[in-house]
Protein backbone atom coordinates (compact mmCIF):
# COMPACT_ATOMS: atom_id res chain seq x y z
CA MET A 1 -30.03 -20.44 61.46
CA THR A 2 -29.43 -18.45 64.40
CA ASP A 3 -27.78 -14.80 64.42
CA LYS A 4 -24.80 -15.19 66.87
CA SER A 5 -24.11 -12.04 65.77
CA GLY A 6 -27.43 -10.70 67.06
CA ALA A 7 -27.41 -13.24 69.70
CA SER A 8 -24.10 -11.69 71.35
CA ASP A 9 -25.40 -8.10 71.23
CA LEU A 10 -28.86 -9.24 72.93
CA ARG A 11 -26.50 -10.69 75.59
CA GLY A 12 -24.16 -7.61 75.90
CA THR A 13 -27.16 -5.18 76.34
CA HIS A 14 -29.09 -7.04 78.88
CA GLU A 15 -26.23 -7.36 81.29
CA ARG A 16 -25.04 -3.97 81.19
CA VAL A 17 -28.79 -3.12 81.93
CA LYS A 18 -28.81 -5.77 84.43
CA GLY A 19 -25.75 -4.16 85.80
CA ILE A 20 -27.04 -0.82 86.08
CA PHE A 21 -30.24 -1.51 87.63
CA THR A 22 -28.85 -3.98 89.95
CA GLU A 23 -26.57 -0.80 91.29
CA ILE A 24 -28.85 1.46 91.62
CA ALA A 25 -32.04 -1.11 92.54
CA SER A 26 -32.06 -0.34 96.89
CA ASP A 27 -32.69 3.70 96.02
CA TYR A 28 -34.94 3.28 92.82
CA ASP A 29 -37.79 4.63 93.60
CA ARG A 30 -36.30 7.05 96.24
CA VAL A 31 -34.75 8.51 92.75
CA ASN A 32 -37.43 8.25 90.41
CA ARG A 33 -39.47 10.49 92.81
CA VAL A 34 -37.21 13.02 93.30
CA ILE A 35 -36.00 13.44 89.20
CA SER A 36 -39.72 12.92 88.66
CA LEU A 37 -40.09 16.12 90.41
CA GLY A 38 -42.91 13.90 92.71
CA GLN A 39 -44.78 13.07 89.29
CA ILE A 40 -44.09 9.76 88.59
CA GLU A 41 -46.69 7.89 90.97
CA ARG A 42 -49.18 9.77 89.82
CA TRP A 43 -48.11 9.09 85.85
CA ARG A 44 -48.84 5.31 86.86
CA ARG A 45 -52.34 6.14 88.01
CA MET A 46 -53.10 7.79 85.22
CA LEU A 47 -51.66 5.09 83.32
CA VAL A 48 -53.83 2.11 85.31
CA SER A 49 -56.99 4.37 85.21
CA ARG A 50 -56.76 3.99 81.59
CA MET A 51 -57.01 0.20 81.31
CA GLU A 52 -59.95 -1.41 81.25
CA ILE A 53 -59.49 -4.84 83.82
CA PRO A 54 -62.06 -7.35 84.03
CA GLU A 55 -62.19 -8.05 87.83
CA ASP A 56 -61.22 -11.36 87.03
CA GLY A 57 -58.87 -10.33 84.04
CA HIS A 58 -54.93 -11.33 83.77
CA VAL A 59 -52.64 -8.54 83.42
CA LEU A 60 -48.82 -8.27 82.77
CA ASP A 61 -46.55 -5.85 83.81
CA LEU A 62 -43.70 -5.94 81.47
CA GLY A 63 -40.90 -4.37 83.24
CA CYS A 64 -42.02 -4.19 86.84
CA GLY A 65 -38.87 -3.29 88.60
CA THR A 66 -39.58 -2.83 92.27
CA GLY A 67 -43.77 -3.45 91.67
CA ARG A 68 -45.22 -0.28 92.71
CA LEU A 69 -47.50 -0.27 88.90
CA THR A 70 -47.84 -4.27 89.78
CA ARG A 71 -49.94 -3.18 92.59
CA LEU A 72 -51.61 -0.40 91.62
CA ILE A 73 -52.73 -2.96 89.20
CA ALA A 74 -53.48 -5.71 91.44
CA ASP A 75 -56.24 -3.74 93.55
CA GLN A 76 -58.03 -3.25 90.09
CA VAL A 77 -57.80 -7.22 89.64
CA ARG A 78 -58.81 -8.96 92.86
CA GLN A 79 -60.52 -12.33 91.82
CA GLY A 80 -57.75 -11.57 88.86
CA LYS A 81 -54.01 -12.18 88.18
CA VAL A 82 -51.31 -9.83 87.53
CA VAL A 83 -47.53 -11.18 86.52
CA GLY A 84 -44.74 -8.86 86.86
CA VAL A 85 -41.67 -9.51 85.03
CA ASP A 86 -38.32 -8.14 85.18
CA LEU A 87 -34.52 -8.47 83.68
CA THR A 88 -32.91 -7.96 87.31
CA PRO A 89 -33.12 -10.30 89.71
CA ALA A 90 -32.55 -7.55 92.52
CA MET A 91 -35.16 -5.96 91.28
CA ILE A 92 -37.58 -8.81 91.53
CA GLU A 93 -36.17 -9.53 94.67
CA ILE A 94 -37.35 -5.87 96.19
CA ALA A 95 -40.79 -6.52 94.66
CA GLN A 96 -41.40 -9.61 96.31
CA LYS A 97 -40.15 -8.67 99.77
CA THR A 98 -42.69 -5.21 99.41
CA LEU A 99 -45.43 -7.26 98.45
CA PRO A 100 -47.95 -7.11 100.62
CA ALA A 101 -49.75 -10.59 102.28
CA GLU A 102 -53.05 -9.53 100.64
CA TYR A 103 -51.86 -9.49 97.00
CA GLY A 104 -50.24 -12.85 97.31
CA LYS A 105 -52.96 -15.14 95.77
CA VAL A 106 -53.01 -12.02 92.92
CA VAL A 107 -49.49 -10.97 92.03
CA ASP A 108 -46.62 -13.21 90.60
CA PHE A 109 -43.08 -11.91 90.17
CA PHE A 110 -40.73 -14.07 88.09
CA THR A 111 -37.51 -12.72 86.41
CA GLY A 112 -37.40 -12.73 82.45
CA THR A 113 -36.27 -10.86 78.93
CA ALA A 114 -38.83 -8.96 77.07
CA GLU A 115 -37.80 -9.78 73.62
CA GLU A 116 -38.36 -13.18 74.74
CA LEU A 117 -41.06 -13.65 77.16
CA ASP A 118 -41.48 -17.30 78.37
CA LEU A 119 -45.29 -17.04 78.51
CA ARG A 120 -48.64 -18.14 75.95
CA SER A 121 -49.56 -16.12 73.16
CA ASN A 122 -53.02 -14.97 74.36
CA SER A 123 -52.71 -15.21 77.68
CA PHE A 124 -53.15 -11.30 78.98
CA ASP A 125 -56.40 -8.67 78.89
CA VAL A 126 -54.17 -6.16 79.53
CA VAL A 127 -49.94 -5.91 78.59
CA THR A 128 -48.27 -2.88 80.41
CA SER A 129 -44.74 -1.13 80.65
CA ALA A 130 -43.97 1.50 82.62
CA PHE A 131 -40.62 3.20 82.13
CA THR A 132 -39.40 -0.20 80.41
CA LEU A 133 -39.27 0.21 76.69
CA ARG A 134 -35.99 2.71 76.61
CA ASN A 135 -33.97 -0.09 78.53
CA VAL A 136 -34.30 -3.03 75.65
CA SER A 137 -32.25 -4.20 72.51
CA ASP A 138 -34.85 -4.50 70.23
CA LEU A 139 -37.99 -2.32 70.89
CA THR A 140 -39.42 -3.34 67.70
CA LYS A 141 -40.01 -7.36 69.04
CA VAL A 142 -40.41 -5.79 72.38
CA ILE A 143 -43.73 -4.61 71.27
CA SER A 144 -44.32 -7.83 68.70
CA GLU A 145 -43.77 -9.60 72.29
CA MET A 146 -46.46 -7.95 74.41
CA LYS A 147 -49.02 -8.15 71.55
CA ARG A 148 -48.49 -12.38 71.05
CA VAL A 149 -49.42 -12.56 74.94
CA ALA A 150 -51.79 -10.37 74.81
CA LYS A 151 -55.34 -12.15 74.07
CA PRO A 152 -57.65 -11.22 71.17
CA GLY A 153 -59.48 -8.27 72.15
CA GLY A 154 -56.93 -7.73 74.56
CA THR A 155 -54.94 -4.02 74.77
CA VAL A 156 -51.07 -2.74 75.10
CA TYR A 157 -49.85 0.30 77.02
CA SER A 158 -46.26 1.42 77.60
CA LEU A 159 -45.96 4.42 79.79
CA GLU A 160 -42.60 6.20 79.07
CA LEU A 161 -40.35 9.36 78.78
CA ALA A 162 -41.30 11.67 76.09
CA LYS A 163 -40.14 14.19 74.14
CA PRO A 164 -42.03 17.70 74.69
CA ARG A 165 -42.98 19.65 71.68
CA SER A 166 -42.14 23.08 72.89
CA LEU A 167 -38.41 24.13 71.84
CA GLY A 168 -37.97 26.37 74.71
CA PHE A 169 -39.55 23.63 77.03
CA ARG A 170 -37.14 21.03 75.08
CA GLU A 171 -34.27 22.48 75.87
CA ILE A 172 -34.57 23.20 79.54
CA TYR A 173 -35.36 19.40 79.39
CA ARG A 174 -32.38 18.32 77.49
CA VAL A 175 -30.47 20.41 80.26
CA TYR A 176 -32.43 19.03 83.29
CA PHE A 177 -31.37 15.30 81.70
CA ASP A 178 -27.81 15.68 80.53
CA LYS A 179 -26.41 18.19 83.59
CA ILE A 180 -28.83 18.54 86.54
CA LEU A 181 -30.20 14.60 86.45
CA PRO A 182 -27.18 12.58 86.40
CA LEU A 183 -25.62 15.37 89.80
CA LEU A 184 -28.70 14.58 91.39
CA GLY A 185 -28.17 10.96 91.33
CA GLY A 186 -25.16 11.73 92.33
CA ILE A 187 -25.77 13.02 95.31
CA ILE A 188 -28.95 10.66 96.46
CA GLN A 189 -27.21 7.60 94.99
CA GLY A 190 -23.87 8.23 95.48
CA ASN A 191 -23.21 7.75 91.38
CA THR A 192 -23.57 9.29 88.31
CA ALA A 193 -22.98 6.62 85.71
CA PRO A 194 -26.40 5.25 85.72
CA TYR A 195 -27.94 8.93 85.56
CA ARG A 196 -26.00 9.47 82.87
CA TYR A 197 -27.27 5.96 81.30
CA LEU A 198 -30.39 7.37 81.72
CA ALA A 199 -30.09 10.49 79.63
CA GLU A 200 -28.35 8.47 77.18
CA SER A 201 -31.63 6.18 76.02
CA LEU A 202 -33.77 8.67 76.21
CA LYS A 203 -31.60 10.56 73.10
CA LYS A 204 -32.32 7.27 71.61
CA PHE A 205 -35.54 6.26 72.43
CA PRO A 206 -38.03 7.52 69.14
CA ASP A 207 -40.25 10.13 70.12
CA GLN A 208 -44.31 9.87 70.73
CA ASP A 209 -45.27 9.86 66.74
CA LYS A 210 -42.60 7.19 66.09
CA LEU A 211 -43.31 5.16 69.01
CA LYS A 212 -47.00 5.02 67.71
CA ARG A 213 -46.23 4.02 64.20
CA LEU A 214 -43.68 1.23 65.75
CA PHE A 215 -47.31 0.09 68.01
CA GLN A 216 -49.23 -0.06 64.60
CA LYS A 217 -46.28 -1.74 62.69
CA ALA A 218 -46.07 -4.67 65.29
CA GLY A 219 -50.11 -5.21 64.33
CA LEU A 220 -52.03 -3.29 67.01
CA LEU A 221 -55.11 -1.13 66.05
CA GLU A 222 -56.93 1.80 67.36
CA VAL A 223 -53.11 3.44 68.21
CA GLU A 224 -52.96 6.62 70.11
CA TYR A 225 -50.91 8.05 72.75
CA HIS A 226 -51.88 10.63 75.76
CA GLU A 227 -48.67 13.36 76.57
CA LEU A 228 -48.39 14.07 80.62
CA PHE A 229 -46.67 17.05 81.95
CA GLY A 230 -46.12 19.14 79.02
CA GLY A 231 -44.80 16.06 76.73
CA VAL A 232 -42.31 15.34 79.34
CA ALA A 233 -43.86 11.51 79.52
CA GLY A 234 -46.65 9.82 77.62
CA ILE A 235 -48.79 6.96 77.79
CA HIS A 236 -49.52 4.99 74.12
CA GLN A 237 -51.88 2.26 74.22
CA GLY A 238 -53.06 -0.23 71.33
CA GLU A 239 -55.77 -3.03 70.43
CA LYS A 240 -55.36 -6.60 69.49
CA ARG A 241 -58.15 -7.65 67.65
CA GLU A 242 -60.13 -10.63 67.40
CA ASN A 243 -58.73 -13.47 65.02
């Protein structure tokens, strides 16, 4: 029997997130560079550098946004396939428009929900997401979906904002996200609300150790994480073992 209340909550979350990211889609990359203090592209490259992708490999970029990470991955798999999936059509539209022609045979973009991926099980050598897991309605289900579509022997990765361990740095970080970030968003994009949502989503998101345990709970093995920029962000990874 379908849980109508749960389905309604899921749709509500999707519509809220889609609305927020539709509103900021055109300025998304520019604002991200500013609020990450110029680090975001470096973090994406560090994520890709950790991936072991066969030349003919298949990779899923979940929550691909405007396709910046997708293109970095495509550089590694010229004989394979990279699929970018995002909830927000406006993001997918930008990703498709800005995709260089040379990537056309390698990259495909689709709209879709992370909780219910319309993709076959055991399809991808690597499944990854960047700054996506904070925005989903059911984190446990999304991690399980990422594992489901990974091939046996494949790896699941996540690049996300994290929580610094140093109490002093953590307080500076909190003030930045609570007070300064919305002001920057207002100056650059003209609207503080989406950036208040960012601060809100980070408060609710599990810390590095809790996220590691969720990866393990989903059945991923050899789970580990690597902190970036003093714990401001982190890369988690886990393996899906052979059946």
